[in-house]
Protein backbone atom coordinates (compact mmCIF):
# COMPACT_ATOMS: atom_id res chain seq x y z
CA MET A 1 5.75 -19.86 -11.03
CA THR A 2 3.72 -16.68 -9.58
CA ARG A 3 0.17 -16.13 -10.35
CA ARG A 4 -0.85 -12.77 -11.35
CA GLN A 5 -2.56 -10.62 -9.09
CA LYS A 6 -6.47 -10.52 -9.43
CA ASP A 7 -6.47 -6.82 -8.59
CA PRO A 8 -3.47 -5.02 -9.87
CA LEU A 9 -2.26 -1.84 -8.45
CA ARG A 10 -2.69 0.91 -10.96
CA PRO A 11 0.05 3.17 -11.13
CA LEU A 12 0.66 5.87 -8.53
CA THR A 13 0.91 9.25 -9.39
CA GLN A 14 4.53 11.05 -8.29
CA GLU A 15 2.17 12.96 -5.82
CA GLU A 16 0.85 9.79 -4.22
CA GLN A 17 4.30 8.30 -4.18
CA THR A 18 6.16 11.06 -2.36
CA HIS A 19 2.82 11.26 0.16
CA LEU A 20 2.95 7.73 0.78
CA GLU A 21 6.73 7.59 1.42
CA HIS A 22 6.70 10.54 3.68
CA LEU A 23 3.63 8.72 5.44
CA SER A 24 5.47 5.10 5.91
CA ARG A 25 8.31 7.11 7.76
CA ALA A 26 6.32 9.20 10.05
CA SER A 27 6.57 8.41 13.78
CA SER A 28 3.42 11.01 14.60
CA ALA A 29 1.11 9.22 12.49
CA PRO A 30 -1.47 6.45 13.31
CA ALA A 31 0.36 2.73 13.16
CA ALA A 32 -2.17 1.93 10.78
CA TYR A 33 -1.67 4.53 8.31
CA VAL A 34 2.02 3.73 8.32
CA ALA A 35 1.49 0.07 7.59
CA ARG A 36 -0.97 0.52 4.85
CA ALA A 37 1.37 3.16 3.60
CA LYS A 38 4.11 0.42 3.40
CA SER A 39 1.69 -2.01 2.11
CA VAL A 40 0.89 0.28 -0.79
CA LEU A 41 4.56 1.28 -1.58
CA ALA A 42 5.72 -2.46 -1.66
CA VAL A 43 2.76 -3.64 -4.01
CA ALA A 44 3.70 -0.71 -6.15
CA ALA A 45 7.01 -1.49 -6.49
CA GLY A 46 6.14 -4.95 -7.69
CA HIS A 47 5.90 -7.19 -4.63
CA SER A 48 3.03 -9.48 -3.85
CA TYR A 49 0.49 -8.80 -1.56
CA THR A 50 1.15 -11.55 0.99
CA THR A 51 5.20 -10.21 0.76
CA ALA A 52 4.02 -6.42 1.15
CA ALA A 53 1.57 -7.35 4.05
CA GLN A 54 4.82 -9.10 5.91
CA LEU A 55 7.08 -5.79 5.13
CA ALA A 56 4.42 -3.82 6.76
CA GLY A 57 4.32 -6.12 9.88
CA ARG A 58 0.99 -7.27 9.06
CA ARG A 59 -0.62 -10.75 8.43
CA SER A 60 -1.14 -11.80 4.97
CA GLY A 61 -4.94 -11.46 5.16
CA ASP A 62 -4.48 -8.01 6.41
CA ALA A 63 -3.00 -6.26 3.45
CA GLY A 64 -5.36 -6.58 0.68
CA ALA A 65 -8.06 -4.49 2.15
CA GLY A 66 -5.81 -1.41 2.34
CA VAL A 67 -4.27 -1.86 -0.92
CA ARG A 68 -7.44 -2.66 -2.75
CA VAL A 69 -8.97 0.64 -2.35
CA ALA A 70 -6.03 1.93 -4.10
CA THR A 71 -6.61 -0.44 -7.13
CA GLU A 72 -10.28 1.15 -8.01
CA PRO A 73 -10.26 3.39 -10.91
CA GLY A 74 -10.58 6.92 -10.34
CA SER A 75 -9.70 6.19 -6.72
CA THR A 76 -6.58 8.52 -4.93
CA VAL A 77 -4.50 7.56 -1.88
CA SER A 78 -5.58 9.77 0.93
CA CYS A 79 -4.51 9.76 4.61
CA SER A 80 -5.35 12.52 6.72
CA VAL A 81 -3.03 12.66 10.03
């Protein structure tokens, strides 16, 4: 049985989704930005924070910080490259 996430991810806008998809595949972007984009996309797709961290190549404790920022009301996803 899975537990409900304490801080569920708010729905991404189409613009945010597109930006994160491009960023997750960017070879010239900093590795931390790429990992964070992969984590957010995985959580948006319904994966747990732990699974999202593993998919992004991080340990489970690392992903929450990057994903949690995107769950706050009124927050936007922005990563400058």
